[in-house]
């Protein structure tokens, strides 16, 4: 792999991590606001959204572990 290709791959990985973190924050804010304001938003809806957030966190954790190892 060339140096330029490696640098591009590193940049893509860093950008993905930032995007993943922003996506997690967005989902947490959405769930929190919906639970506080909307009587139609159910616990099942919140549970589904929270499971998606947990999945994103797990993917990020695996990425960090693979970078370390």
PDB file of N, CA and C in Angstrom:
ATOM      1  N   UNK A   1       0.852  -1.173   0.000  1.00  0.00           N
ATOM      2  CA  UNK A   1       0.000   0.000   0.000  1.00  0.00           C
ATOM      3  C   UNK A   1       0.901   1.241   0.000  1.00  0.00           C
ATOM      4  N   UNK A   2       0.565   2.182  -0.835  1.00  0.00           N
ATOM      5  CA  UNK A   2       1.377   3.399  -0.908  1.00  0.00           C
ATOM      6  C   UNK A   2       1.075   4.305   0.269  1.00  0.00           C
ATOM      7  N   UNK A   3       1.977   5.237   0.489  1.00  0.00           N
ATOM      8  CA  UNK A   3       1.810   6.188   1.588  1.00  0.00           C
ATOM      9  C   UNK A   3       0.547   7.016   1.392  1.00  0.00           C
ATOM     10  N   UNK A   4       0.283   7.425   0.165  1.00  0.00           N
ATOM     11  CA  UNK A   4      -0.898   8.239  -0.110  1.00  0.00           C
ATOM     12  C   UNK A   4      -2.177   7.449   0.144  1.00  0.00           C
ATOM     13  N   UNK A   5      -2.192   6.198  -0.255  1.00  0.00           N
ATOM     14  CA  UNK A   5      -3.357   5.347  -0.013  1.00  0.00           C
ATOM     15  C   UNK A   5      -3.571   5.136   1.480  1.00  0.00           C
ATOM     16  N   UNK A   6      -2.490   4.918   2.201  1.00  0.00           N
ATOM     17  CA  UNK A   6      -2.573   4.726   3.657  1.00  0.00           C
ATOM     18  C   UNK A   6      -3.099   5.988   4.328  1.00  0.00           C
ATOM     19  N   UNK A   7      -2.645   7.146   3.880  1.00  0.00           N
ATOM     20  CA  UNK A   7      -3.114   8.407   4.456  1.00  0.00           C
ATOM     21  C   UNK A   7      -4.600   8.616   4.176  1.00  0.00           C
ATOM     22  N   UNK A   8      -5.039   8.279   2.970  1.00  0.00           N
ATOM     23  CA  UNK A   8      -6.454   8.416   2.631  1.00  0.00           C
ATOM     24  C   UNK A   8      -7.307   7.482   3.486  1.00  0.00           C
ATOM     25  N   UNK A   9      -6.818   6.265   3.676  1.00  0.00           N
ATOM     26  CA  UNK A   9      -7.554   5.300   4.496  1.00  0.00           C
ATOM     27  C   UNK A   9      -7.645   5.773   5.948  1.00  0.00           C
ATOM     28  N   UNK A  10      -6.552   6.326   6.459  1.00  0.00           N
ATOM     29  CA  UNK A  10      -6.547   6.860   7.822  1.00  0.00           C
ATOM     30  C   UNK A  10      -7.528   8.018   7.952  1.00  0.00           C
ATOM     31  N   UNK A  11      -7.555   8.897   6.967  1.00  0.00           N
ATOM     32  CA  UNK A  11      -8.488  10.024   6.970  1.00  0.00           C
ATOM     33  C   UNK A  11      -9.932   9.536   6.943  1.00  0.00           C
ATOM     34  N   UNK A  12     -10.222   8.552   6.108  1.00  0.00           N
ATOM     35  CA  UNK A  12     -11.580   8.007   6.027  1.00  0.00           C
ATOM     36  C   UNK A  12     -11.976   7.402   7.370  1.00  0.00           C
ATOM     37  N   UNK A  13     -11.064   6.669   8.002  1.00  0.00           N
ATOM     38  CA  UNK A  13     -11.362   6.078   9.313  1.00  0.00           C
ATOM     39  C   UNK A  13     -11.635   7.142  10.364  1.00  0.00           C
ATOM     40  N   UNK A  14     -10.852   8.203  10.368  1.00  0.00           N
ATOM     41  CA  UNK A  14     -11.057   9.283  11.338  1.00  0.00           C
ATOM     42  C   UNK A  14     -12.391   9.984  11.094  1.00  0.00           C
ATOM     43  N   UNK A  15     -12.708  10.233   9.836  1.00  0.00           N
ATOM     44  CA  UNK A  15     -13.977  10.886   9.511  1.00  0.00           C
ATOM     45  C   UNK A  15     -15.162  10.004   9.879  1.00  0.00           C
ATOM     46  N   UNK A  16     -15.040   8.699   9.650  1.00  0.00           N
ATOM     47  CA  UNK A  16     -16.116   7.777  10.022  1.00  0.00           C
ATOM     48  C   UNK A  16     -16.337   7.803  11.529  1.00  0.00           C
ATOM     49  N   UNK A  17     -15.255   7.809  12.293  1.00  0.00           N
ATOM     50  CA  UNK A  17     -15.396   7.854  13.749  1.00  0.00           C
ATOM     51  C   UNK A  17     -16.119   9.108  14.205  1.00  0.00           C
ATOM     52  N   UNK A  18     -15.748  10.238  13.612  1.00  0.00           N
ATOM     53  CA  UNK A  18     -16.414  11.490  13.982  1.00  0.00           C
ATOM     54  C   UNK A  18     -17.885  11.446  13.601  1.00  0.00           C
ATOM     55  N   UNK A  19     -18.176  10.902  12.434  1.00  0.00           N
ATOM     56  CA  UNK A  19     -19.565  10.775  11.999  1.00  0.00           C
ATOM     57  C   UNK A  19     -20.352   9.860  12.922  1.00  0.00           C
ATOM     58  N   UNK A  20     -19.746   8.768  13.322  1.00  0.00           N
ATOM     59  CA  UNK A  20     -20.416   7.827  14.216  1.00  0.00           C
ATOM     60  C   UNK A  20     -20.739   8.481  15.548  1.00  0.00           C
ATOM     61  N   UNK A  21     -19.806   9.251  16.087  1.00  0.00           N
ATOM     62  CA  UNK A  21     -20.041   9.931  17.360  1.00  0.00           C
ATOM     63  C   UNK A  21     -21.157  10.969  17.238  1.00  0.00           C
ATOM     64  N   UNK A  22     -21.154  11.714  16.146  1.00  0.00           N
ATOM     65  CA  UNK A  22     -22.204  12.714  15.928  1.00  0.00           C
ATOM     66  C   UNK A  22     -23.554  12.024  15.779  1.00  0.00           C
ATOM     67  N   UNK A  23     -23.586  10.900  15.091  1.00  0.00           N
ATOM     68  CA  UNK A  23     -24.838  10.155  14.915  1.00  0.00           C
ATOM     69  C   UNK A  23     -25.365   9.655  16.262  1.00  0.00           C
ATOM     70  N   UNK A  24     -24.474   9.184  17.121  1.00  0.00           N
ATOM     71  CA  UNK A  24     -24.890   8.732  18.451  1.00  0.00           C
ATOM     72  C   UNK A  24     -25.464   9.893  19.256  1.00  0.00           C
ATOM     73  N   UNK A  25     -24.798  11.033  19.225  1.00  0.00           N
ATOM     74  CA  UNK A  25     -25.285  12.212  19.953  1.00  0.00           C
ATOM     75  C   UNK A  25     -26.656  12.634  19.432  1.00  0.00           C
ATOM     76  N   UNK A  26     -26.812  12.643  18.125  1.00  0.00           N
ATOM     77  CA  UNK A  26     -28.081  13.049  17.511  1.00  0.00           C
ATOM     78  C   UNK A  26     -29.213  12.125  17.958  1.00  0.00           C
ATOM     79  N   UNK A  27     -28.956  10.829  17.941  1.00  0.00           N
ATOM     80  CA  UNK A  27     -29.989   9.868  18.335  1.00  0.00           C
ATOM     81  C   UNK A  27     -30.336   9.998  19.820  1.00  0.00           C
ATOM     82  N   UNK A  28     -29.326  10.203  20.662  1.00  0.00           N
ATOM     83  CA  UNK A  28     -29.597  10.365  22.090  1.00  0.00           C
ATOM     84  C   UNK A  28     -30.436  11.610  22.365  1.00  0.00           C
ATOM     85  N   UNK A  29     -30.115  12.698  21.684  1.00  0.00           N
ATOM     86  CA  UNK A  29     -30.892  13.926  21.857  1.00  0.00           C
ATOM     87  C   UNK A  29     -32.320  13.715  21.369  1.00  0.00           C
ATOM     88  N   UNK A  30     -32.472  13.053  20.237  1.00  0.00           N
ATOM     89  CA  UNK A  30     -33.806  12.789  19.684  1.00  0.00           C
ATOM     90  C   UNK A  30     -34.649  11.962  20.651  1.00  0.00           C
ATOM     91  N   UNK A  31     -34.074  10.890  21.163  1.00  0.00           N
ATOM     92  CA  UNK A  31     -34.806  10.031  22.098  1.00  0.00           C
ATOM     93  C   UNK A  31     -35.180  10.809  23.355  1.00  0.00           C
ATOM     94  N   UNK A  32     -34.225  11.560  23.889  1.00  0.00           N
ATOM     95  CA  UNK A  32     -34.479  12.324  25.114  1.00  0.00           C
ATOM     96  C   UNK A  32     -35.594  13.345  24.917  1.00  0.00           C
ATOM     97  N   UNK A  33     -35.517  14.088  23.820  1.00  0.00           N
ATOM     98  CA  UNK A  33     -36.548  15.099  23.553  1.00  0.00           C
ATOM     99  C   UNK A  33     -37.907  14.462  23.336  1.00  0.00           C
ATOM    100  N   UNK A  34     -37.948  13.374  22.590  1.00  0.00           N
ATOM    101  CA  UNK A  34     -39.226  12.704  22.347  1.00  0.00           C
ATOM    102  C   UNK A  34     -39.837  12.170  23.634  1.00  0.00           C
ATOM    103  N   UNK A  35     -39.015  11.622  24.503  1.00  0.00           N
ATOM    104  CA  UNK A  35     -39.541  11.107  25.772  1.00  0.00           C
ATOM    105  C   UNK A  35     -40.078  12.237  26.654  1.00  0.00           C
ATOM    106  N   UNK A  36     -39.436  13.401  26.612  1.00  0.00           N
ATOM    107  CA  UNK A  36     -39.872  14.517  27.454  1.00  0.00           C
ATOM    108  C   UNK A  36     -41.108  15.224  26.895  1.00  0.00           C
ATOM    109  N   UNK A  37     -41.231  15.300  25.573  1.00  0.00           N
ATOM    110  CA  UNK A  37     -42.252  16.152  24.978  1.00  0.00           C
ATOM    111  C   UNK A  37     -43.425  15.425  24.357  1.00  0.00           C
ATOM    112  N   UNK A  38     -43.247  14.220  23.903  1.00  0.00           N
ATOM    113  CA  UNK A  38     -44.264  13.581  23.085  1.00  0.00           C
ATOM    114  C   UNK A  38     -44.931  12.439  23.841  1.00  0.00           C
ATOM    115  N   UNK A  39     -46.212  12.546  24.046  1.00  0.00           N
ATOM    116  CA  UNK A  39     -46.943  11.487  24.741  1.00  0.00           C
ATOM    117  C   UNK A  39     -47.196  10.294  23.823  1.00  0.00           C
ATOM    118  N   UNK A  40     -47.052  10.466  22.507  1.00  0.00           N
ATOM    119  CA  UNK A  40     -47.282   9.389  21.550  1.00  0.00           C
ATOM    120  C   UNK A  40     -46.042   8.495  21.435  1.00  0.00           C
ATOM    121  N   UNK A  41     -44.874   9.054  21.690  1.00  0.00           N
ATOM    122  CA  UNK A  41     -43.621   8.314  21.614  1.00  0.00           C
ATOM    123  C   UNK A  41     -43.598   7.285  22.731  1.00  0.00           C
ATOM    124  N   UNK A  42     -43.512   6.025  22.379  1.00  0.00           N
ATOM    125  CA  UNK A  42     -43.649   4.958  23.370  1.00  0.00           C
ATOM    126  C   UNK A  42     -42.292   4.467  23.870  1.00  0.00           C
ATOM    127  N   UNK A  43     -42.355   3.680  24.903  1.00  0.00           N
ATOM    128  CA  UNK A  43     -41.147   3.060  25.439  1.00  0.00           C
ATOM    129  C   UNK A  43     -40.541   2.130  24.386  1.00  0.00           C
ATOM    130  N   UNK A  44     -41.391   1.453  23.616  1.00  0.00           N
ATOM    131  CA  UNK A  44     -40.882   0.582  22.556  1.00  0.00           C
ATOM    132  C   UNK A  44     -40.102   1.378  21.516  1.00  0.00           C
ATOM    133  N   UNK A  45     -40.614   2.567  21.163  1.00  0.00           N
ATOM    134  CA  UNK A  45     -39.892   3.428  20.221  1.00  0.00           C
ATOM    135  C   UNK A  45     -38.534   3.818  20.791  1.00  0.00           C
ATOM    136  N   UNK A  46     -38.529   4.207  22.052  1.00  0.00           N
ATOM    137  CA  UNK A  46     -37.282   4.619  22.699  1.00  0.00           C
ATOM    138  C   UNK A  46     -36.313   3.442  22.790  1.00  0.00           C
ATOM    139  N   UNK A  47     -36.823   2.275  23.122  1.00  0.00           N
ATOM    140  CA  UNK A  47     -35.965   1.097  23.243  1.00  0.00           C
ATOM    141  C   UNK A  47     -35.305   0.772  21.905  1.00  0.00           C
ATOM    142  N   UNK A  48     -36.066   0.866  20.826  1.00  0.00           N
ATOM    143  CA  UNK A  48     -35.517   0.600  19.491  1.00  0.00           C
ATOM    144  C   UNK A  48     -34.393   1.589  19.169  1.00  0.00           C
ATOM    145  N   UNK A  49     -34.632   2.860  19.406  1.00  0.00           N
ATOM    146  CA  UNK A  49     -33.612   3.886  19.141  1.00  0.00           C
ATOM    147  C   UNK A  49     -32.373   3.658  20.009  1.00  0.00           C
ATOM    148  N   UNK A  50     -32.577   3.325  21.263  1.00  0.00           N
ATOM    149  CA  UNK A  50     -31.452   3.096  22.166  1.00  0.00           C
ATOM    150  C   UNK A  50     -30.648   1.867  21.752  1.00  0.00           C
ATOM    151  N   UNK A  51     -31.308   0.829  21.238  1.00  0.00           N
ATOM    152  CA  UNK A  51     -30.598  -0.351  20.745  1.00  0.00           C
ATOM    153  C   UNK A  51     -29.735   0.007  19.533  1.00  0.00           C
ATOM    154  N   UNK A  52     -30.211   0.909  18.681  1.00  0.00           N
ATOM    155  CA  UNK A  52     -29.409   1.365  17.546  1.00  0.00           C
ATOM    156  C   UNK A  52     -28.163   2.105  18.034  1.00  0.00           C
ATOM    157  N   UNK A  53     -28.340   2.924  19.062  1.00  0.00           N
ATOM    158  CA  UNK A  53     -27.206   3.659  19.625  1.00  0.00           C
ATOM    159  C   UNK A  53     -26.191   2.685  20.221  1.00  0.00           C
ATOM    160  N   UNK A  54     -26.668   1.686  20.932  1.00  0.00           N
ATOM    161  CA  UNK A  54     -25.776   0.681  21.516  1.00  0.00           C
ATOM    162  C   UNK A  54     -25.012  -0.051  20.422  1.00  0.00           C
ATOM    163  N   UNK A  55     -25.671  -0.341  19.326  1.00  0.00           N
ATOM    164  CA  UNK A  55     -25.014  -1.001  18.193  1.00  0.00           C
ATOM    165  C   UNK A  55     -23.907  -0.117  17.620  1.00  0.00           C
ATOM    166  N   UNK A  56     -24.188   1.183  17.476  1.00  0.00           N
ATOM    167  CA  UNK A  56     -23.163   2.107  16.982  1.00  0.00           C
ATOM    168  C   UNK A  56     -21.983   2.176  17.941  1.00  0.00           C
ATOM    169  N   UNK A  57     -22.254   2.198  19.231  1.00  0.00           N
ATOM    170  CA  UNK A  57     -21.181   2.236  20.227  1.00  0.00           C
ATOM    171  C   UNK A  57     -20.341   0.964  20.132  1.00  0.00           C
ATOM    172  N   UNK A  58     -20.979  -0.170  19.950  1.00  0.00           N
ATOM    173  CA  UNK A  58     -20.253  -1.440  19.836  1.00  0.00           C
ATOM    174  C   UNK A  58     -19.369  -1.451  18.589  1.00  0.00           C
ATOM    175  N   UNK A  59     -19.879  -0.948  17.482  1.00  0.00           N
ATOM    176  CA  UNK A  59     -19.077  -0.873  16.262  1.00  0.00           C
ATOM    177  C   UNK A  59     -17.860   0.021  16.473  1.00  0.00           C
ATOM    178  N   UNK A  60     -18.060   1.126  17.148  1.00  0.00           N
ATOM    179  CA  UNK A  60     -16.955   2.049  17.429  1.00  0.00           C
ATOM    180  C   UNK A  60     -15.932   1.394  18.351  1.00  0.00           C
ATOM    181  N   UNK A  61     -16.408   0.676  19.349  1.00  0.00           N
ATOM    182  CA  UNK A  61     -15.515  -0.008  20.286  1.00  0.00           C
ATOM    183  C   UNK A  61     -14.669  -1.046  19.544  1.00  0.00           C
ATOM    184  N   UNK A  62     -15.288  -1.795  18.649  1.00  0.00           N
ATOM    185  CA  UNK A  62     -14.545  -2.784  17.876  1.00  0.00           C
ATOM    186  C   UNK A  62     -13.498  -2.122  16.983  1.00  0.00           C
ATOM    187  N   UNK A  63     -13.845  -0.979  16.412  1.00  0.00           N
ATOM    188  CA  UNK A  63     -12.882  -0.244  15.599  1.00  0.00           C
ATOM    189  C   UNK A  63     -11.680   0.210  16.396  1.00  0.00           C
ATOM    190  N   UNK A  64     -11.935   0.684  17.600  1.00  0.00           N
ATOM    191  CA  UNK A  64     -10.839   1.135  18.470  1.00  0.00           C
ATOM    192  C   UNK A  64      -9.956  -0.043  18.849  1.00  0.00           C
ATOM    193  N   UNK A  65     -10.574  -1.164  19.201  1.00  0.00           N
ATOM    194  CA  UNK A  65      -9.795  -2.346  19.581  1.00  0.00           C
ATOM    195  C   UNK A  65      -8.951  -2.841  18.415  1.00  0.00           C
ATOM    196  N   UNK A  66      -9.512  -2.846  17.212  1.00  0.00           N
ATOM    197  CA  UNK A  66      -8.725  -3.307  16.057  1.00  0.00           C
ATOM    198  C   UNK A  66      -7.572  -2.359  15.751  1.00  0.00           C
ATOM    199  N   UNK A  67      -7.757  -1.057  16.003  1.00  0.00           N
ATOM    200  CA  UNK A  67      -6.673  -0.106  15.799  1.00  0.00           C
ATOM    201  C   UNK A  67      -5.552  -0.302  16.813  1.00  0.00           C
ATOM    202  N   UNK A  68      -5.915  -0.667  18.031  1.00  0.00           N
ATOM    203  CA  UNK A  68      -4.919  -0.882  19.089  1.00  0.00           C
ATOM    204  C   UNK A  68      -4.124  -2.157  18.817  1.00  0.00           C
ATOM    205  N   UNK A  69      -4.849  -3.216  18.406  1.00  0.00           N
ATOM    206  CA  UNK A  69      -4.216  -4.520  18.224  1.00  0.00           C
ATOM    207  C   UNK A  69      -3.614  -4.652  16.923  1.00  0.00           C
TER     208      UNK A  69
END
